[in-house]
Amino acid sequence: MISNFALLYLSSRVSLSIRVYIAFSVILVVSYSMPLVTETLPRTTAWYLLLSLVVINGAANSFVQGGMFGFASIFPRKYMTSLMVGQGVNGMILNSVKMLLLIVLPPDESKKENDMNSFYDSLIFLGVFSVIL
């Protein structure tokens, strides 16, 4: 909710393209920092930092969604439809990649905290995510 008020405030002061590029950059940085935080910090510290990163990622996503849908709404209906279809295809591709990675690199429960499959899985997934982004 706070990010929506910030978006309303910034919408008349900062251009749409700058808001979207900055928000995409924040999403990219936050997404790459998440697996690094879980692997390098103690569990309790990592949990609180991850919670903060998820909130920041949600705010950046709010800026992107609000900007893109607001921009598409001033054009004919096919632009909004294209945006919705693009988001759906993007979600299906990324979820398919994640499922494939879980099949190829399943978490090893016997290793518990020394399991690196989840870390490698996250880095590969984020590489694909970056290309799509």
C-alpha atoms as a PDB file:
ATOM      1  CA  MET A   1       0.000   0.000   0.000  1.00  0.00           C
ATOM      2  CA  ILE A   2       2.871   2.330   0.784  1.00  0.00           C
ATOM      3  CA  SER A   3       4.397   1.646  -2.617  1.00  0.00           C
ATOM      4  CA  ASN A   4       1.091   2.535  -4.292  1.00  0.00           C
ATOM      5  CA  PHE A   5       1.043   5.913  -2.548  1.00  0.00           C
ATOM      6  CA  ALA A   6       4.685   6.420  -3.553  1.00  0.00           C
ATOM      7  CA  LEU A   7       3.747   5.514  -7.117  1.00  0.00           C
ATOM      8  CA  LEU A   8       0.963   8.097  -7.114  1.00  0.00           C
ATOM      9  CA  TYR A   9       3.348  10.721  -5.776  1.00  0.00           C
ATOM     10  CA  LEU A  10       6.122   9.912  -8.270  1.00  0.00           C
ATOM     11  CA  SER A  11       3.839   9.498 -11.286  1.00  0.00           C
ATOM     12  CA  SER A  12       3.697  13.240 -11.909  1.00  0.00           C
ATOM     13  CA  ARG A  13       7.371  13.855 -11.094  1.00  0.00           C
ATOM     14  CA  VAL A  14       9.277  10.987 -12.743  1.00  0.00           C
ATOM     15  CA  SER A  15       8.733   9.671 -16.259  1.00  0.00           C
ATOM     16  CA  LEU A  16       7.210   6.233 -16.748  1.00  0.00           C
ATOM     17  CA  SER A  17      10.254   4.790 -18.503  1.00  0.00           C
ATOM     18  CA  ILE A  18      12.604   5.832 -15.684  1.00  0.00           C
ATOM     19  CA  ARG A  19      10.252   4.401 -13.032  1.00  0.00           C
ATOM     20  CA  VAL A  20       9.988   1.094 -14.888  1.00  0.00           C
ATOM     21  CA  TYR A  21      13.743   0.798 -15.561  1.00  0.00           C
ATOM     22  CA  ILE A  22      14.588   1.548 -11.940  1.00  0.00           C
ATOM     23  CA  ALA A  23      11.965  -0.923 -10.712  1.00  0.00           C
ATOM     24  CA  PHE A  24      13.265  -3.634 -13.075  1.00  0.00           C
ATOM     25  CA  SER A  25      16.795  -2.964 -11.809  1.00  0.00           C
ATOM     26  CA  VAL A  26      15.646  -3.271  -8.203  1.00  0.00           C
ATOM     27  CA  ILE A  27      13.839  -6.547  -9.008  1.00  0.00           C
ATOM     28  CA  LEU A  28      16.966  -7.916 -10.674  1.00  0.00           C
ATOM     29  CA  VAL A  29      19.293  -6.965  -7.795  1.00  0.00           C
ATOM     30  CA  VAL A  30      16.898  -8.232  -5.124  1.00  0.00           C
ATOM     31  CA  SER A  31      16.295 -11.499  -6.983  1.00  0.00           C
ATOM     32  CA  TYR A  32      20.008 -12.236  -7.288  1.00  0.00           C
ATOM     33  CA  SER A  33      20.695 -11.312  -3.684  1.00  0.00           C
ATOM     34  CA  MET A  34      18.132 -13.757  -2.267  1.00  0.00           C
ATOM     35  CA  PRO A  35      20.051 -17.021  -2.883  1.00  0.00           C
ATOM     36  CA  LEU A  36      23.294 -15.339  -1.841  1.00  0.00           C
ATOM     37  CA  VAL A  37      21.722 -14.205   1.436  1.00  0.00           C
ATOM     38  CA  THR A  38      20.470 -17.705   2.223  1.00  0.00           C
ATOM     39  CA  GLU A  39      23.873 -19.265   1.551  1.00  0.00           C
ATOM     40  CA  THR A  40      26.102 -16.748   3.295  1.00  0.00           C
ATOM     41  CA  LEU A  41      24.246 -15.482   6.375  1.00  0.00           C
ATOM     42  CA  PRO A  42      23.153 -17.273   9.545  1.00  0.00           C
ATOM     43  CA  ARG A  43      19.600 -18.608   9.405  1.00  0.00           C
ATOM     44  CA  THR A  44      17.909 -16.035  11.630  1.00  0.00           C
ATOM     45  CA  THR A  45      19.614 -13.061  10.018  1.00  0.00           C
ATOM     46  CA  ALA A  46      18.940 -14.471   6.549  1.00  0.00           C
ATOM     47  CA  TRP A  47      15.252 -14.936   7.339  1.00  0.00           C
ATOM     48  CA  TYR A  48      14.766 -11.313   8.402  1.00  0.00           C
ATOM     49  CA  LEU A  49      16.773  -9.995   5.462  1.00  0.00           C
ATOM     50  CA  LEU A  50      14.840 -12.210   3.041  1.00  0.00           C
ATOM     51  CA  LEU A  51      11.583 -10.903   4.466  1.00  0.00           C
ATOM     52  CA  SER A  52      12.783  -7.353   3.806  1.00  0.00           C
ATOM     53  CA  LEU A  53      13.915  -8.270   0.301  1.00  0.00           C
ATOM     54  CA  VAL A  54      10.522  -9.775  -0.513  1.00  0.00           C
ATOM     55  CA  VAL A  55       8.827  -6.531   0.577  1.00  0.00           C
ATOM     56  CA  ILE A  56      11.214  -4.480  -1.581  1.00  0.00           C
ATOM     57  CA  ASN A  57      10.632  -6.845  -4.515  1.00  0.00           C
ATOM     58  CA  GLY A  58       6.858  -6.489  -4.071  1.00  0.00           C
ATOM     59  CA  ALA A  59       7.131  -2.695  -4.061  1.00  0.00           C
ATOM     60  CA  ALA A  60       9.255  -2.711  -7.221  1.00  0.00           C
ATOM     61  CA  ASN A  61       6.786  -5.102  -8.844  1.00  0.00           C
ATOM     62  CA  SER A  62       3.998  -2.705  -7.905  1.00  0.00           C
ATOM     63  CA  PHE A  63       5.814   0.104  -9.724  1.00  0.00           C
ATOM     64  CA  VAL A  64       6.260  -2.050 -12.848  1.00  0.00           C
ATOM     65  CA  GLN A  65       2.699  -3.392 -12.858  1.00  0.00           C
ATOM     66  CA  GLY A  66       1.109  -0.031 -12.183  1.00  0.00           C
ATOM     67  CA  GLY A  67       3.192   1.701 -14.813  1.00  0.00           C
ATOM     68  CA  MET A  68       2.775  -0.884 -17.532  1.00  0.00           C
ATOM     69  CA  PHE A  69      -0.959  -1.409 -17.087  1.00  0.00           C
ATOM     70  CA  GLY A  70      -1.562   2.305 -16.749  1.00  0.00           C
ATOM     71  CA  PHE A  71       0.403   2.957 -19.923  1.00  0.00           C
ATOM     72  CA  ALA A  72      -1.300   0.156 -21.866  1.00  0.00           C
ATOM     73  CA  SER A  73      -4.748   1.369 -20.799  1.00  0.00           C
ATOM     74  CA  ILE A  74      -4.517   4.555 -22.863  1.00  0.00           C
ATOM     75  CA  PHE A  75      -4.133   2.550 -26.071  1.00  0.00           C
ATOM     76  CA  PRO A  76      -6.633   0.325 -27.899  1.00  0.00           C
ATOM     77  CA  ARG A  77      -7.742  -2.904 -26.237  1.00  0.00           C
ATOM     78  CA  LYS A  78      -5.238  -5.087 -28.113  1.00  0.00           C
ATOM     79  CA  TYR A  79      -2.335  -3.506 -26.216  1.00  0.00           C
ATOM     80  CA  MET A  80      -3.798  -4.475 -22.849  1.00  0.00           C
ATOM     81  CA  THR A  81      -4.515  -7.939 -24.219  1.00  0.00           C
ATOM     82  CA  SER A  82      -0.926  -8.239 -25.448  1.00  0.00           C
ATOM     83  CA  LEU A  83       0.380  -7.219 -22.037  1.00  0.00           C
ATOM     84  CA  MET A  84      -1.793  -9.800 -20.271  1.00  0.00           C
ATOM     85  CA  VAL A  85      -0.821 -12.566 -22.719  1.00  0.00           C
ATOM     86  CA  GLY A  86       2.847 -11.647 -22.354  1.00  0.00           C
ATOM     87  CA  GLN A  87       2.627 -11.899 -18.583  1.00  0.00           C
ATOM     88  CA  GLY A  88       0.881 -15.256 -18.811  1.00  0.00           C
ATOM     89  CA  VAL A  89       3.451 -16.687 -21.220  1.00  0.00           C
ATOM     90  CA  ASN A  90       6.283 -15.323 -19.080  1.00  0.00           C
ATOM     91  CA  GLY A  91       4.812 -16.964 -15.983  1.00  0.00           C
ATOM     92  CA  MET A  92       4.374 -20.300 -17.749  1.00  0.00           C
ATOM     93  CA  ILE A  93       7.937 -20.248 -19.094  1.00  0.00           C
ATOM     94  CA  LEU A  94       9.474 -19.384 -15.732  1.00  0.00           C
ATOM     95  CA  ASN A  95       7.379 -21.945 -13.843  1.00  0.00           C
ATOM     96  CA  SER A  96       8.285 -24.618 -16.418  1.00  0.00           C
ATOM     97  CA  VAL A  97      11.982 -23.779 -16.017  1.00  0.00           C
ATOM     98  CA  LYS A  98      11.629 -23.997 -12.221  1.00  0.00           C
ATOM     99  CA  MET A  99       9.892 -27.395 -12.431  1.00  0.00           C
ATOM    100  CA  LEU A 100      12.553 -28.692 -14.821  1.00  0.00           C
ATOM    101  CA  LEU A 101      15.313 -27.497 -12.506  1.00  0.00           C
ATOM    102  CA  LEU A 102      13.678 -29.215  -9.537  1.00  0.00           C
ATOM    103  CA  ILE A 103      13.656 -32.458 -11.546  1.00  0.00           C
ATOM    104  CA  VAL A 104      17.286 -32.086 -12.677  1.00  0.00           C
ATOM    105  CA  LEU A 105      18.641 -30.681  -9.376  1.00  0.00           C
ATOM    106  CA  PRO A 106      16.346 -31.981  -6.636  1.00  0.00           C
ATOM    107  CA  PRO A 107      17.003 -30.822  -3.079  1.00  0.00           C
ATOM    108  CA  ASP A 108      19.076 -33.420  -1.214  1.00  0.00           C
ATOM    109  CA  GLU A 109      17.401 -33.849   2.177  1.00  0.00           C
ATOM    110  CA  SER A 110      20.224 -36.033   3.484  1.00  0.00           C
ATOM    111  CA  LYS A 111      22.730 -33.162   3.259  1.00  0.00           C
ATOM    112  CA  LYS A 112      20.391 -30.664   4.968  1.00  0.00           C
ATOM    113  CA  GLU A 113      22.307 -27.360   5.182  1.00  0.00           C
ATOM    114  CA  ASN A 114      25.185 -28.521   2.945  1.00  0.00           C
ATOM    115  CA  ASP A 115      22.860 -29.089  -0.005  1.00  0.00           C
ATOM    116  CA  MET A 116      24.051 -26.926  -2.899  1.00  0.00           C
ATOM    117  CA  ASN A 117      21.434 -28.106  -5.418  1.00  0.00           C
ATOM    118  CA  SER A 118      18.934 -25.492  -4.275  1.00  0.00           C
ATOM    119  CA  PHE A 119      21.577 -22.782  -4.582  1.00  0.00           C
ATOM    120  CA  TYR A 120      22.591 -23.839  -8.107  1.00  0.00           C
ATOM    121  CA  ASP A 121      18.930 -24.252  -9.013  1.00  0.00           C
ATOM    122  CA  SER A 122      18.264 -20.660  -7.924  1.00  0.00           C
ATOM    123  CA  LEU A 123      21.226 -19.244  -9.834  1.00  0.00           C
ATOM    124  CA  ILE A 124      20.266 -21.012 -13.070  1.00  0.00           C
ATOM    125  CA  PHE A 125      16.641 -19.938 -12.639  1.00  0.00           C
ATOM    126  CA  LEU A 126      17.696 -16.334 -12.048  1.00  0.00           C
ATOM    127  CA  GLY A 127      19.894 -16.453 -15.159  1.00  0.00           C
ATOM    128  CA  VAL A 128      16.861 -17.462 -17.242  1.00  0.00           C
ATOM    129  CA  PHE A 129      14.782 -14.851 -15.404  1.00  0.00           C
ATOM    130  CA  SER A 130      17.342 -12.161 -16.267  1.00  0.00           C
ATOM    131  CA  VAL A 131      17.302 -13.046 -19.945  1.00  0.00           C
ATOM    132  CA  ILE A 132      13.498 -12.874 -20.025  1.00  0.00           C
ATOM    133  CA  LEU A 133      13.502  -9.642 -18.003  1.00  0.00           C
END
